Protein backbone atom coordinates (compact mmCIF):
# COMPACT_ATOMS: atom_id res chain seq x y z
CA MET A 1 -107.39 -9.97 37.69
CA LYS A 2 -109.30 -7.00 36.21
CA PHE A 3 -107.63 -4.72 38.76
CA TYR A 4 -104.11 -5.82 37.80
CA LEU A 5 -104.53 -5.70 34.03
CA PRO A 6 -104.26 -1.89 33.67
CA LEU A 7 -101.20 -1.92 35.93
CA ILE A 8 -99.53 -4.65 33.88
CA ILE A 9 -100.29 -2.81 30.63
CA ALA A 10 -98.88 0.45 32.07
CA LEU A 11 -95.68 -1.26 33.16
CA LEU A 12 -95.16 -2.97 29.82
CA ALA A 13 -95.83 0.24 27.89
CA SER A 14 -93.40 2.35 29.96
CA PRO A 15 -90.19 3.31 28.20
CA ALA A 16 -86.96 1.86 29.55
CA LEU A 17 -85.28 4.15 32.02
CA ALA A 18 -82.00 5.69 30.97
CA GLU A 19 -78.91 4.76 32.95
CA ASP A 20 -76.27 6.98 34.50
CA LEU A 21 -72.57 6.13 34.53
CA THR A 22 -69.87 7.99 36.46
CA ILE A 23 -66.28 8.01 35.22
CA GLU A 24 -63.67 9.41 37.56
CA MET A 25 -60.78 11.59 36.39
CA LEU A 26 -57.79 10.21 38.28
CA ASN A 27 -54.22 11.27 38.95
CA LYS A 28 -53.49 7.61 39.74
CA ASP A 29 -55.64 4.46 39.66
CA SER A 30 -55.45 1.43 41.97
CA ASP A 31 -52.99 -0.27 39.57
CA GLY A 32 -50.60 2.70 39.71
CA ASN A 33 -51.45 4.04 36.24
CA ARG A 34 -51.10 7.82 36.21
CA MET A 35 -53.42 10.38 34.61
CA VAL A 36 -56.28 8.08 33.58
CA PHE A 37 -60.03 7.85 33.52
CA SER A 38 -61.48 5.18 35.81
CA GLN A 39 -63.16 3.54 32.81
CA GLU A 40 -61.31 3.98 29.54
CA VAL A 41 -63.95 2.30 27.35
CA ALA A 42 -67.56 2.77 28.44
CA HIS A 43 -70.46 1.03 26.70
CA VAL A 44 -73.80 2.80 27.10
CA SER A 45 -77.23 2.80 25.49
CA ILE A 46 -78.86 5.65 23.59
CA GLY A 47 -80.29 8.08 26.14
CA ASP A 48 -77.80 7.20 28.88
CA THR A 49 -75.86 9.92 30.68
CA VAL A 50 -72.17 9.83 31.50
CA THR A 51 -70.83 12.02 34.28
CA TRP A 52 -67.09 12.66 34.56
CA ALA A 53 -66.11 13.45 38.13
CA PRO A 54 -62.74 14.99 39.00
CA THR A 55 -61.12 13.31 41.99
CA SER A 56 -58.42 15.98 42.09
CA ARG A 57 -57.87 19.37 40.50
CA GLY A 58 -56.65 20.00 36.97
CA HIS A 59 -58.70 17.56 34.86
CA ASN A 60 -61.39 18.13 32.25
CA VAL A 61 -63.15 16.40 29.36
CA GLU A 62 -62.82 17.51 25.74
CA MET A 63 -64.54 15.67 22.90
CA VAL A 64 -62.10 14.92 20.07
CA ALA A 65 -64.23 12.84 17.67
CA SER A 66 -67.87 11.75 17.63
CA PRO A 67 -70.57 10.66 15.18
CA ASN A 68 -72.29 14.04 15.45
CA ASN A 69 -69.19 16.31 15.62
CA LEU A 70 -70.07 17.15 19.22
CA LYS A 71 -68.23 20.27 20.39
CA PHE A 72 -67.74 19.80 24.13
CA LYS A 73 -65.03 20.98 26.49
CA SER A 74 -65.61 21.15 30.22
CA LYS A 75 -63.92 23.52 32.62
CA ASN A 76 -60.92 22.23 34.56
CA SER A 77 -61.72 20.62 37.92
CA LYS A 78 -65.47 20.67 37.25
CA GLU A 79 -67.91 17.78 36.84
CA ALA A 80 -68.99 17.21 33.24
CA LYS A 81 -72.14 15.48 32.03
CA ILE A 82 -73.35 14.36 28.60
CA THR A 83 -76.52 12.51 27.64
CA PHE A 84 -75.82 10.46 24.51
CA ASP A 85 -78.63 10.56 21.95
CA LYS A 86 -76.73 9.44 18.84
CA PRO A 87 -75.11 6.01 18.47
CA GLY A 88 -71.42 5.67 17.69
CA ILE A 89 -67.96 6.02 19.19
CA TYR A 90 -67.12 9.16 21.16
CA TYR A 91 -63.40 9.81 21.70
CA TYR A 92 -62.38 12.28 24.40
CA TRP A 93 -59.36 13.35 26.41
CA CYS A 94 -58.30 15.44 29.37
CA THR A 95 -56.90 18.52 27.66
CA PRO A 96 -53.99 19.14 30.08
CA HIS A 97 -52.97 15.46 30.18
CA LYS A 98 -53.70 14.21 26.65
CA SER A 99 -50.03 13.68 25.82
CA MET A 100 -49.74 11.54 28.97
CA GLY A 101 -52.41 9.19 27.58
CA MET A 102 -55.44 10.45 29.53
CA ILE A 103 -58.04 9.50 26.93
CA GLY A 104 -61.24 7.48 26.77
CA LEU A 105 -64.02 6.18 24.57
CA VAL A 106 -67.77 6.01 25.00
CA VAL A 107 -69.48 3.52 22.69
CA VAL A 108 -73.17 4.30 22.36
CA GLY A 109 -75.61 1.64 21.22
CA LYS A 110 -72.89 -0.87 20.24
CA ASP A 111 -72.48 1.18 17.06
CA LEU A 112 -68.96 1.23 15.57
CA SER A 113 -69.93 2.85 12.26
CA ASN A 114 -67.65 5.87 12.79
CA LEU A 115 -64.60 3.75 13.70
CA ALA A 116 -62.61 4.92 10.65
CA GLU A 117 -63.18 8.57 11.59
CA VAL A 118 -62.03 7.98 15.18
CA LYS A 119 -58.93 6.13 13.93
CA LYS A 120 -57.98 9.28 11.97
CA ALA A 121 -58.55 11.61 14.93
CA LYS A 122 -55.61 13.43 16.45
CA ALA A 123 -53.70 11.97 19.35
CA LYS A 124 -50.57 13.25 21.06
CA GLY A 125 -47.73 11.56 22.92
CA LYS A 126 -48.77 8.40 24.76
CA SER A 127 -52.33 8.89 23.50
CA LYS A 128 -51.38 7.64 20.00
CA LYS A 129 -50.50 4.14 21.15
CA LYS A 130 -53.28 4.05 23.73
CA LEU A 131 -55.97 5.10 21.24
CA LYS A 132 -54.90 2.34 18.87
CA SER A 133 -55.07 -0.19 21.72
CA LEU A 134 -58.50 0.99 22.90
CA LEU A 135 -59.92 0.87 19.36
CA ASN A 136 -58.47 -2.63 18.83
CA SER A 137 -60.24 -3.75 22.02
CA LEU A 138 -63.57 -2.91 20.38
CA GLY A 139 -63.16 -5.79 17.95
């Protein structure tokens, strides 16, 4: 038992490992929806990393609203990665396809404290109705 005690203490004292989530940028999903992200509302913990992976050319990720006014815009057709260190709702879109409704949300730490700010954020074309629907799904 003396041999295992330091090991048990080390395991219990270790910080939780951060998770990684990949969201695909799609021209069309399996349900036939065009110009979408594979996961439109992602729930992650503080310290988790989200990677957006283009499955075809012409997509990117641009942050529209966030709790920390994050300025982020990836290059078209390139993988994008963000590690989320501040809780809240992050609203993003694909710049070329935002009016077609290609938007998404990342909710970090189950924190909805900046919901009012995200509701006021700009949206174009089909994104207006979709943003309202995604925010209503948060509860």
